[in-house]
C-alpha cells in the first residue's frame, strides 16, 4: 500500500497513515449523524502510533455520546475539521475520518453498523455486511487485524 495522506480543510493539519487501517466502519448511528451533519460517517480504525503527523496538532473536543462512554473528536484548531476520534477512552486507537484523506475513495467500508437508525433513502450494497447495531469483531475482522487490535487493547470481548 502506498501511504495514505490526509488533511483538514485549511491544510494546517496534515497526516499520513503508515499502514493500512485494521478495519473500516460506516456508522449510521444517531450520534454520528448529529456530529457530522450527515447520514453516516466512514471511519478507518488504526493504531494511534500509525498516524504520522506531518503538520499541525489536532485538539481533542469531548462530545456527549448516547453510550455514555467518553468520545473525543480531534479537530484542527484553525478550521475545526474533525480528523479522527477516540471512542471510549482508548488512546492507542483512532477512528480516522476517511473523508479527510486526499483520496477518500482509497478506502471503502468493510461493514455498515447501527443500520437501525440509517436514513431510509440510503441504499446499502448487498456485498458489504450490515448490522442493526454492532457485530462480533472476532468473526468479521481479518486475522492480521485482530492481532494488531489485541496488541494494543487485549483480546476482543
N, C-alpha and C. Protein backbone atom coordinates (compact mmCIF):
# COMPACT_ATOMS: atom_id res chain seq x y z
N UNK A 1 0.85 -1.19 0.00
CA UNK A 1 0.00 0.00 0.00
C UNK A 1 0.88 1.24 0.00
N UNK A 2 0.57 2.17 -0.87
CA UNK A 2 1.26 3.44 -0.76
C UNK A 2 0.66 4.17 0.44
N UNK A 3 1.42 5.06 1.00
CA UNK A 3 0.93 5.78 2.18
C UNK A 3 -0.31 6.58 1.84
N UNK A 4 -1.27 6.55 2.73
CA UNK A 4 -2.46 7.38 2.59
C UNK A 4 -2.22 8.66 3.37
N UNK A 5 -2.42 9.79 2.73
CA UNK A 5 -2.24 11.07 3.40
C UNK A 5 -3.56 11.80 3.44
N UNK A 6 -3.69 12.66 4.44
CA UNK A 6 -4.91 13.43 4.59
C UNK A 6 -4.63 14.78 5.20
N UNK A 7 -5.68 15.58 5.26
CA UNK A 7 -5.53 16.93 5.81
C UNK A 7 -6.89 17.48 6.20
N UNK A 8 -6.85 18.55 6.97
CA UNK A 8 -8.07 19.28 7.30
C UNK A 8 -8.42 20.21 6.14
N UNK A 9 -9.52 20.93 6.27
CA UNK A 9 -9.99 21.82 5.19
C UNK A 9 -9.00 22.94 4.90
N UNK A 10 -8.36 23.49 5.92
CA UNK A 10 -7.46 24.63 5.71
C UNK A 10 -6.01 24.21 5.47
N UNK A 11 -5.71 22.94 5.71
CA UNK A 11 -4.35 22.44 5.49
C UNK A 11 -3.41 22.61 6.66
N UNK A 12 -3.88 23.15 7.79
CA UNK A 12 -2.99 23.32 8.94
C UNK A 12 -2.59 21.97 9.53
N UNK A 13 -3.49 21.00 9.50
CA UNK A 13 -3.19 19.65 9.97
C UNK A 13 -3.06 18.74 8.76
N UNK A 14 -1.91 18.09 8.67
CA UNK A 14 -1.66 17.10 7.62
C UNK A 14 -1.14 15.85 8.30
N UNK A 15 -1.52 14.69 7.76
CA UNK A 15 -1.11 13.43 8.36
C UNK A 15 -0.91 12.37 7.30
N UNK A 16 -0.29 11.28 7.73
CA UNK A 16 -0.07 10.11 6.87
C UNK A 16 -0.38 8.87 7.68
N UNK A 17 -1.13 7.95 7.09
CA UNK A 17 -1.32 6.62 7.69
C UNK A 17 -0.15 5.77 7.21
N UNK A 18 0.62 5.23 8.16
CA UNK A 18 1.83 4.49 7.77
C UNK A 18 1.57 3.01 7.56
N UNK A 19 0.33 2.59 7.69
CA UNK A 19 -0.08 1.22 7.37
C UNK A 19 -1.55 1.26 6.97
N UNK A 20 -2.04 0.19 6.37
CA UNK A 20 -3.48 0.14 6.12
C UNK A 20 -4.23 0.12 7.46
N UNK A 21 -5.47 0.60 7.47
CA UNK A 21 -6.25 0.50 8.70
C UNK A 21 -6.57 -0.96 9.01
N UNK A 22 -6.96 -1.21 10.26
CA UNK A 22 -7.35 -2.56 10.65
C UNK A 22 -8.71 -2.93 10.06
N UNK A 23 -9.61 -1.94 10.00
CA UNK A 23 -10.97 -2.18 9.54
C UNK A 23 -11.61 -0.83 9.26
N UNK A 24 -12.64 -0.80 8.43
CA UNK A 24 -13.32 0.46 8.11
C UNK A 24 -14.81 0.30 8.40
N UNK A 25 -15.32 1.17 9.27
CA UNK A 25 -16.74 1.18 9.64
C UNK A 25 -17.47 2.28 8.89
N UNK A 26 -18.65 1.98 8.43
CA UNK A 26 -19.60 3.01 8.02
C UNK A 26 -20.69 2.98 9.09
N UNK A 27 -20.70 4.01 9.92
CA UNK A 27 -21.61 4.04 11.06
C UNK A 27 -22.80 4.95 10.78
N UNK A 28 -23.99 4.40 11.02
CA UNK A 28 -25.25 5.11 10.77
C UNK A 28 -25.95 5.51 12.07
N UNK A 29 -25.22 5.48 13.21
CA UNK A 29 -25.87 5.81 14.48
C UNK A 29 -26.26 7.28 14.53
N UNK A 30 -27.18 7.61 15.41
CA UNK A 30 -27.65 8.99 15.51
C UNK A 30 -26.56 9.92 16.02
N UNK A 31 -25.68 9.43 16.90
CA UNK A 31 -24.55 10.26 17.35
C UNK A 31 -23.71 10.71 16.14
N UNK A 32 -23.34 9.76 15.30
CA UNK A 32 -22.52 10.10 14.13
C UNK A 32 -23.26 11.04 13.18
N UNK A 33 -24.56 10.83 13.03
CA UNK A 33 -25.33 11.72 12.17
C UNK A 33 -25.32 13.14 12.73
N UNK A 34 -25.52 13.27 14.06
CA UNK A 34 -25.52 14.59 14.69
C UNK A 34 -24.15 15.25 14.58
N UNK A 35 -23.10 14.48 14.87
CA UNK A 35 -21.76 15.06 14.94
C UNK A 35 -21.20 15.43 13.57
N UNK A 36 -21.64 14.76 12.52
CA UNK A 36 -21.13 15.06 11.19
C UNK A 36 -22.07 15.92 10.37
N UNK A 37 -23.33 15.97 10.78
CA UNK A 37 -24.32 16.68 9.97
C UNK A 37 -24.62 15.94 8.68
N UNK A 38 -24.39 14.63 8.69
CA UNK A 38 -24.58 13.81 7.51
C UNK A 38 -25.35 12.55 7.89
N UNK A 39 -25.56 11.66 6.94
CA UNK A 39 -26.33 10.45 7.18
C UNK A 39 -25.51 9.35 7.84
N UNK A 40 -24.19 9.46 7.77
CA UNK A 40 -23.31 8.44 8.34
C UNK A 40 -21.89 8.99 8.37
N UNK A 41 -20.99 8.24 8.99
CA UNK A 41 -19.57 8.59 8.98
C UNK A 41 -18.79 7.35 8.56
N UNK A 42 -17.70 7.56 7.85
CA UNK A 42 -16.81 6.48 7.44
C UNK A 42 -15.52 6.63 8.23
N UNK A 43 -15.22 5.64 9.09
CA UNK A 43 -14.06 5.67 9.98
C UNK A 43 -13.11 4.53 9.67
N UNK A 44 -11.84 4.88 9.49
CA UNK A 44 -10.77 3.89 9.32
C UNK A 44 -10.14 3.66 10.69
N UNK A 45 -10.24 2.44 11.20
CA UNK A 45 -9.74 2.12 12.54
C UNK A 45 -8.27 1.76 12.43
N UNK A 46 -7.44 2.48 13.19
CA UNK A 46 -5.99 2.30 13.11
C UNK A 46 -5.34 2.66 14.44
N UNK A 47 -4.18 2.07 14.69
CA UNK A 47 -3.43 2.39 15.88
C UNK A 47 -2.96 3.84 15.82
N UNK A 48 -3.02 4.52 16.96
CA UNK A 48 -2.61 5.92 17.04
C UNK A 48 -1.17 6.11 16.57
N UNK A 49 -0.30 5.18 16.93
CA UNK A 49 1.11 5.34 16.54
C UNK A 49 1.36 5.07 15.06
N UNK A 50 0.33 4.72 14.31
CA UNK A 50 0.46 4.54 12.85
C UNK A 50 -0.09 5.74 12.09
N UNK A 51 -0.40 6.81 12.83
CA UNK A 51 -0.77 8.08 12.23
C UNK A 51 0.42 9.01 12.42
N UNK A 52 1.05 9.37 11.33
CA UNK A 52 2.21 10.27 11.38
C UNK A 52 1.73 11.69 11.09
N UNK A 53 1.89 12.57 12.08
CA UNK A 53 1.52 13.97 11.86
C UNK A 53 2.60 14.63 11.02
N UNK A 54 2.20 15.25 9.93
CA UNK A 54 3.13 15.96 9.05
C UNK A 54 3.16 17.45 9.38
N UNK A 55 2.03 17.97 9.86
CA UNK A 55 1.96 19.35 10.33
C UNK A 55 0.74 19.51 11.22
N UNK A 56 0.83 20.48 12.10
CA UNK A 56 -0.29 20.78 12.99
C UNK A 56 -0.46 19.75 14.09
N UNK A 57 -1.40 20.02 14.96
CA UNK A 57 -1.69 19.14 16.10
C UNK A 57 -3.18 19.24 16.39
N UNK A 58 -3.97 18.23 15.99
CA UNK A 58 -5.41 18.29 16.28
C UNK A 58 -5.65 18.33 17.79
N UNK A 59 -6.69 19.03 18.16
CA UNK A 59 -7.04 19.17 19.57
C UNK A 59 -8.30 18.37 19.88
N UNK A 60 -8.29 17.63 21.01
CA UNK A 60 -9.47 16.85 21.36
C UNK A 60 -10.61 17.73 21.87
N UNK A 61 -11.80 17.40 21.41
CA UNK A 61 -13.02 18.06 21.89
C UNK A 61 -13.92 16.94 22.39
N UNK A 62 -14.25 16.96 23.69
CA UNK A 62 -15.11 15.94 24.28
C UNK A 62 -16.55 16.23 23.90
N UNK A 63 -17.22 15.22 23.35
CA UNK A 63 -18.62 15.36 22.97
C UNK A 63 -19.44 14.30 23.69
N UNK A 64 -20.70 14.61 23.99
CA UNK A 64 -21.55 13.60 24.61
C UNK A 64 -21.87 12.49 23.61
N UNK A 65 -22.02 11.29 24.13
CA UNK A 65 -22.39 10.14 23.30
C UNK A 65 -23.54 9.40 23.97
N UNK A 66 -24.44 8.85 23.16
CA UNK A 66 -25.57 8.11 23.70
C UNK A 66 -25.11 6.93 24.55
N UNK A 67 -23.91 6.40 24.27
CA UNK A 67 -23.40 5.26 25.03
C UNK A 67 -23.00 5.64 26.45
N UNK A 68 -22.75 6.93 26.69
CA UNK A 68 -22.27 7.38 27.99
C UNK A 68 -20.76 7.28 28.13
N UNK A 69 -20.10 6.62 27.19
CA UNK A 69 -18.64 6.50 27.23
C UNK A 69 -18.01 7.77 26.68
N UNK A 70 -16.75 8.05 27.07
CA UNK A 70 -16.10 9.25 26.55
C UNK A 70 -15.92 9.17 25.03
N UNK A 71 -16.08 10.29 24.37
CA UNK A 71 -15.85 10.38 22.93
C UNK A 71 -15.15 11.70 22.67
N UNK A 72 -13.88 11.61 22.28
CA UNK A 72 -13.10 12.79 21.94
C UNK A 72 -12.93 12.85 20.43
N UNK A 73 -13.35 13.96 19.84
CA UNK A 73 -13.14 14.20 18.42
C UNK A 73 -11.95 15.14 18.30
N UNK A 74 -10.94 14.71 17.56
CA UNK A 74 -9.74 15.52 17.36
C UNK A 74 -9.96 16.42 16.15
N UNK A 75 -9.89 17.73 16.39
CA UNK A 75 -10.21 18.72 15.37
C UNK A 75 -9.02 19.65 15.13
N UNK A 76 -8.94 20.14 13.91
CA UNK A 76 -7.97 21.19 13.60
C UNK A 76 -8.34 22.41 14.43
N UNK A 77 -7.36 23.02 15.09
CA UNK A 77 -7.66 24.19 15.93
C UNK A 77 -7.98 25.43 15.09
N UNK A 78 -7.64 25.40 13.81
CA UNK A 78 -7.89 26.56 12.94
C UNK A 78 -9.27 26.46 12.29
N UNK A 79 -9.53 25.38 11.53
CA UNK A 79 -10.78 25.28 10.77
C UNK A 79 -11.82 24.35 11.40
N UNK A 80 -11.43 23.65 12.47
CA UNK A 80 -12.33 22.76 13.23
C UNK A 80 -12.75 21.50 12.48
N UNK A 81 -12.05 21.14 11.41
CA UNK A 81 -12.35 19.88 10.72
C UNK A 81 -12.11 18.72 11.68
N UNK A 82 -13.04 17.78 11.74
CA UNK A 82 -12.88 16.57 12.54
C UNK A 82 -11.94 15.63 11.80
N UNK A 83 -10.80 15.30 12.42
CA UNK A 83 -9.78 14.47 11.79
C UNK A 83 -9.94 13.00 12.17
N UNK A 84 -10.13 12.74 13.47
CA UNK A 84 -10.32 11.38 13.97
C UNK A 84 -10.92 11.44 15.36
N UNK A 85 -11.31 10.26 15.85
CA UNK A 85 -11.94 10.15 17.17
C UNK A 85 -11.24 9.12 18.02
N UNK A 86 -11.41 9.31 19.32
CA UNK A 86 -11.07 8.31 20.33
C UNK A 86 -12.41 7.97 20.98
N UNK A 87 -12.95 6.81 20.63
CA UNK A 87 -14.21 6.36 21.21
C UNK A 87 -13.91 5.53 22.45
N UNK A 88 -14.47 5.90 23.57
CA UNK A 88 -14.36 5.08 24.77
C UNK A 88 -13.08 5.23 25.56
N UNK A 89 -12.31 6.26 25.34
CA UNK A 89 -11.10 6.48 26.14
C UNK A 89 -10.03 5.43 25.88
N UNK A 90 -9.77 5.13 24.62
CA UNK A 90 -8.72 4.17 24.25
C UNK A 90 -7.64 4.93 23.46
N UNK A 91 -6.68 5.53 24.16
CA UNK A 91 -5.72 6.42 23.50
C UNK A 91 -4.81 5.75 22.47
N UNK A 92 -4.74 4.45 22.43
CA UNK A 92 -3.88 3.77 21.46
C UNK A 92 -4.59 3.47 20.14
N UNK A 93 -5.88 3.86 20.05
CA UNK A 93 -6.70 3.53 18.90
C UNK A 93 -7.40 4.79 18.38
N UNK A 94 -7.41 4.96 17.07
CA UNK A 94 -8.08 6.10 16.46
C UNK A 94 -9.03 5.65 15.37
N UNK A 95 -10.08 6.42 15.18
CA UNK A 95 -11.06 6.24 14.12
C UNK A 95 -10.89 7.44 13.19
N UNK A 96 -10.11 7.26 12.14
CA UNK A 96 -9.78 8.35 11.22
C UNK A 96 -10.94 8.58 10.27
N UNK A 97 -11.33 9.85 10.11
CA UNK A 97 -12.40 10.22 9.18
C UNK A 97 -11.88 10.04 7.75
N UNK A 98 -12.42 9.07 7.05
CA UNK A 98 -11.97 8.75 5.69
C UNK A 98 -12.12 9.96 4.77
N UNK A 99 -13.10 10.80 5.01
CA UNK A 99 -13.30 11.98 4.19
C UNK A 99 -12.18 12.99 4.27
N UNK A 100 -11.28 12.87 5.25
CA UNK A 100 -10.14 13.79 5.34
C UNK A 100 -8.94 13.30 4.54
N UNK A 101 -9.03 12.10 3.97
CA UNK A 101 -7.94 11.61 3.13
C UNK A 101 -7.87 12.39 1.83
N UNK A 102 -6.67 12.55 1.30
CA UNK A 102 -6.51 13.21 -0.01
C UNK A 102 -7.28 12.44 -1.07
N UNK A 103 -7.32 11.11 -0.92
CA UNK A 103 -8.07 10.26 -1.84
C UNK A 103 -9.05 9.42 -1.02
N UNK A 104 -10.20 9.98 -0.65
CA UNK A 104 -11.13 9.24 0.21
C UNK A 104 -11.68 7.97 -0.42
N UNK A 105 -11.62 7.87 -1.73
CA UNK A 105 -12.12 6.64 -2.38
C UNK A 105 -11.15 5.48 -2.23
N UNK A 106 -9.98 5.72 -1.62
CA UNK A 106 -8.99 4.66 -1.42
C UNK A 106 -9.48 3.61 -0.41
N UNK A 107 -10.41 3.99 0.47
CA UNK A 107 -10.91 3.07 1.49
C UNK A 107 -12.42 2.95 1.38
N UNK A 108 -12.89 1.73 1.33
CA UNK A 108 -14.33 1.50 1.30
C UNK A 108 -14.74 0.81 2.60
N UNK A 109 -16.01 0.87 2.96
CA UNK A 109 -16.44 0.25 4.21
C UNK A 109 -16.32 -1.26 4.18
N UNK A 110 -15.84 -1.82 5.29
CA UNK A 110 -15.83 -3.27 5.50
C UNK A 110 -17.15 -3.73 6.10
N UNK A 111 -17.86 -2.81 6.74
CA UNK A 111 -19.10 -3.14 7.43
C UNK A 111 -19.94 -1.87 7.60
N UNK A 112 -21.25 -2.04 7.63
CA UNK A 112 -22.18 -0.97 7.99
C UNK A 112 -22.75 -1.32 9.36
N UNK A 113 -22.68 -0.35 10.28
CA UNK A 113 -23.16 -0.60 11.64
C UNK A 113 -24.24 0.41 12.02
N UNK A 114 -25.04 0.03 13.02
CA UNK A 114 -26.16 0.82 13.52
C UNK A 114 -27.12 1.19 12.38
N UNK A 115 -27.39 0.19 11.55
CA UNK A 115 -28.30 0.43 10.43
C UNK A 115 -29.75 0.62 10.90
N UNK A 116 -30.03 0.30 12.16
CA UNK A 116 -31.38 0.52 12.67
C UNK A 116 -31.76 1.99 12.60
N UNK A 117 -30.75 2.87 12.59
CA UNK A 117 -31.04 4.31 12.51
C UNK A 117 -30.55 4.92 11.20
N UNK A 118 -30.27 4.08 10.21
CA UNK A 118 -29.84 4.60 8.91
C UNK A 118 -31.00 5.35 8.27
N UNK A 119 -30.69 6.35 7.50
CA UNK A 119 -31.71 7.10 6.78
C UNK A 119 -32.34 6.19 5.72
N UNK A 120 -33.65 6.24 5.58
CA UNK A 120 -34.33 5.31 4.68
C UNK A 120 -33.93 5.44 3.22
N UNK A 121 -33.40 6.58 2.81
CA UNK A 121 -33.02 6.78 1.42
C UNK A 121 -31.60 6.29 1.12
N UNK A 122 -30.86 5.86 2.16
CA UNK A 122 -29.52 5.31 1.95
C UNK A 122 -29.64 3.85 1.55
N UNK A 123 -29.07 3.49 0.42
CA UNK A 123 -29.07 2.12 -0.08
C UNK A 123 -27.74 1.46 0.28
N UNK A 124 -27.78 0.33 0.96
CA UNK A 124 -26.56 -0.38 1.35
C UNK A 124 -26.22 -1.43 0.30
N UNK A 125 -24.93 -1.56 -0.03
CA UNK A 125 -24.54 -2.57 -1.01
C UNK A 125 -24.70 -3.97 -0.41
N UNK A 126 -25.29 -4.89 -1.14
CA UNK A 126 -25.56 -6.23 -0.59
C UNK A 126 -24.29 -7.02 -0.27
N UNK A 127 -23.16 -6.69 -0.88
CA UNK A 127 -21.93 -7.46 -0.65
C UNK A 127 -21.17 -7.03 0.61
N UNK A 128 -21.61 -5.96 1.28
CA UNK A 128 -20.95 -5.49 2.50
C UNK A 128 -21.82 -5.87 3.70
N UNK A 129 -21.25 -6.56 4.69
CA UNK A 129 -22.05 -6.93 5.87
C UNK A 129 -22.66 -5.69 6.54
N UNK A 130 -23.88 -5.85 7.02
CA UNK A 130 -24.59 -4.76 7.68
C UNK A 130 -25.27 -5.29 8.93
N UNK A 131 -25.25 -4.48 9.99
CA UNK A 131 -25.80 -4.90 11.28
C UNK A 131 -26.66 -3.79 11.87
N UNK A 132 -27.79 -4.20 12.45
CA UNK A 132 -28.68 -3.22 13.06
C UNK A 132 -27.99 -2.46 14.18
N UNK A 133 -27.11 -3.13 14.92
CA UNK A 133 -26.36 -2.47 15.99
C UNK A 133 -24.88 -2.68 15.70
N UNK A 134 -24.28 -3.68 16.30
CA UNK A 134 -22.86 -3.94 16.14
C UNK A 134 -22.68 -5.39 15.72
N UNK A 135 -21.46 -5.87 15.73
CA UNK A 135 -21.16 -7.21 15.24
C UNK A 135 -20.09 -7.84 16.12
N UNK A 136 -19.81 -9.10 15.88
CA UNK A 136 -18.78 -9.83 16.60
C UNK A 136 -17.44 -9.61 15.89
N UNK A 137 -16.58 -8.81 16.49
CA UNK A 137 -15.29 -8.46 15.90
C UNK A 137 -14.49 -9.71 15.54
N UNK A 138 -14.50 -10.70 16.42
CA UNK A 138 -13.72 -11.92 16.18
C UNK A 138 -14.16 -12.64 14.92
N UNK A 139 -15.41 -12.51 14.54
CA UNK A 139 -15.92 -13.20 13.35
C UNK A 139 -15.72 -12.42 12.06
N UNK A 140 -15.62 -11.10 12.15
CA UNK A 140 -15.61 -10.29 10.94
C UNK A 140 -14.24 -9.73 10.55
N UNK A 141 -13.42 -9.41 11.56
CA UNK A 141 -12.13 -8.81 11.24
C UNK A 141 -11.16 -9.85 10.69
N UNK A 142 -10.29 -9.46 9.76
CA UNK A 142 -9.24 -10.37 9.29
C UNK A 142 -8.30 -10.75 10.43
N UNK A 143 -7.70 -11.94 10.38
CA UNK A 143 -6.80 -12.38 11.47
C UNK A 143 -5.67 -11.40 11.78
N UNK A 144 -5.05 -10.82 10.76
CA UNK A 144 -3.95 -9.87 11.00
C UNK A 144 -4.45 -8.63 11.75
N UNK A 145 -5.64 -8.16 11.40
CA UNK A 145 -6.21 -7.00 12.09
C UNK A 145 -6.54 -7.34 13.53
N UNK A 146 -7.04 -8.54 13.78
CA UNK A 146 -7.32 -8.96 15.15
C UNK A 146 -6.04 -8.99 15.99
N UNK A 147 -4.95 -9.45 15.39
CA UNK A 147 -3.66 -9.47 16.10
C UNK A 147 -3.21 -8.05 16.44
N UNK A 148 -3.36 -7.15 15.50
CA UNK A 148 -2.98 -5.76 15.74
C UNK A 148 -3.84 -5.15 16.85
N UNK A 149 -5.13 -5.42 16.81
CA UNK A 149 -6.04 -4.90 17.83
C UNK A 149 -5.68 -5.45 19.20
N UNK A 150 -5.45 -6.76 19.26
CA UNK A 150 -5.11 -7.39 20.53
C UNK A 150 -3.80 -6.85 21.10
N UNK A 151 -2.86 -6.51 20.24
CA UNK A 151 -1.56 -5.99 20.69
C UNK A 151 -1.72 -4.68 21.45
N UNK A 152 -2.75 -3.89 21.12
CA UNK A 152 -2.92 -2.62 21.82
C UNK A 152 -4.05 -2.60 22.85
N UNK A 153 -5.05 -3.49 22.67
CA UNK A 153 -6.23 -3.44 23.55
C UNK A 153 -6.48 -4.72 24.34
N UNK A 154 -5.79 -5.79 24.01
CA UNK A 154 -6.10 -7.08 24.60
C UNK A 154 -7.13 -7.79 23.75
N UNK A 155 -7.49 -9.02 24.11
CA UNK A 155 -8.43 -9.80 23.29
C UNK A 155 -9.81 -9.14 23.22
N UNK A 156 -10.47 -9.27 22.04
CA UNK A 156 -11.83 -8.72 21.95
C UNK A 156 -12.80 -9.45 22.86
N UNK A 157 -13.77 -8.73 23.34
CA UNK A 157 -14.76 -9.32 24.25
C UNK A 157 -15.89 -9.91 23.46
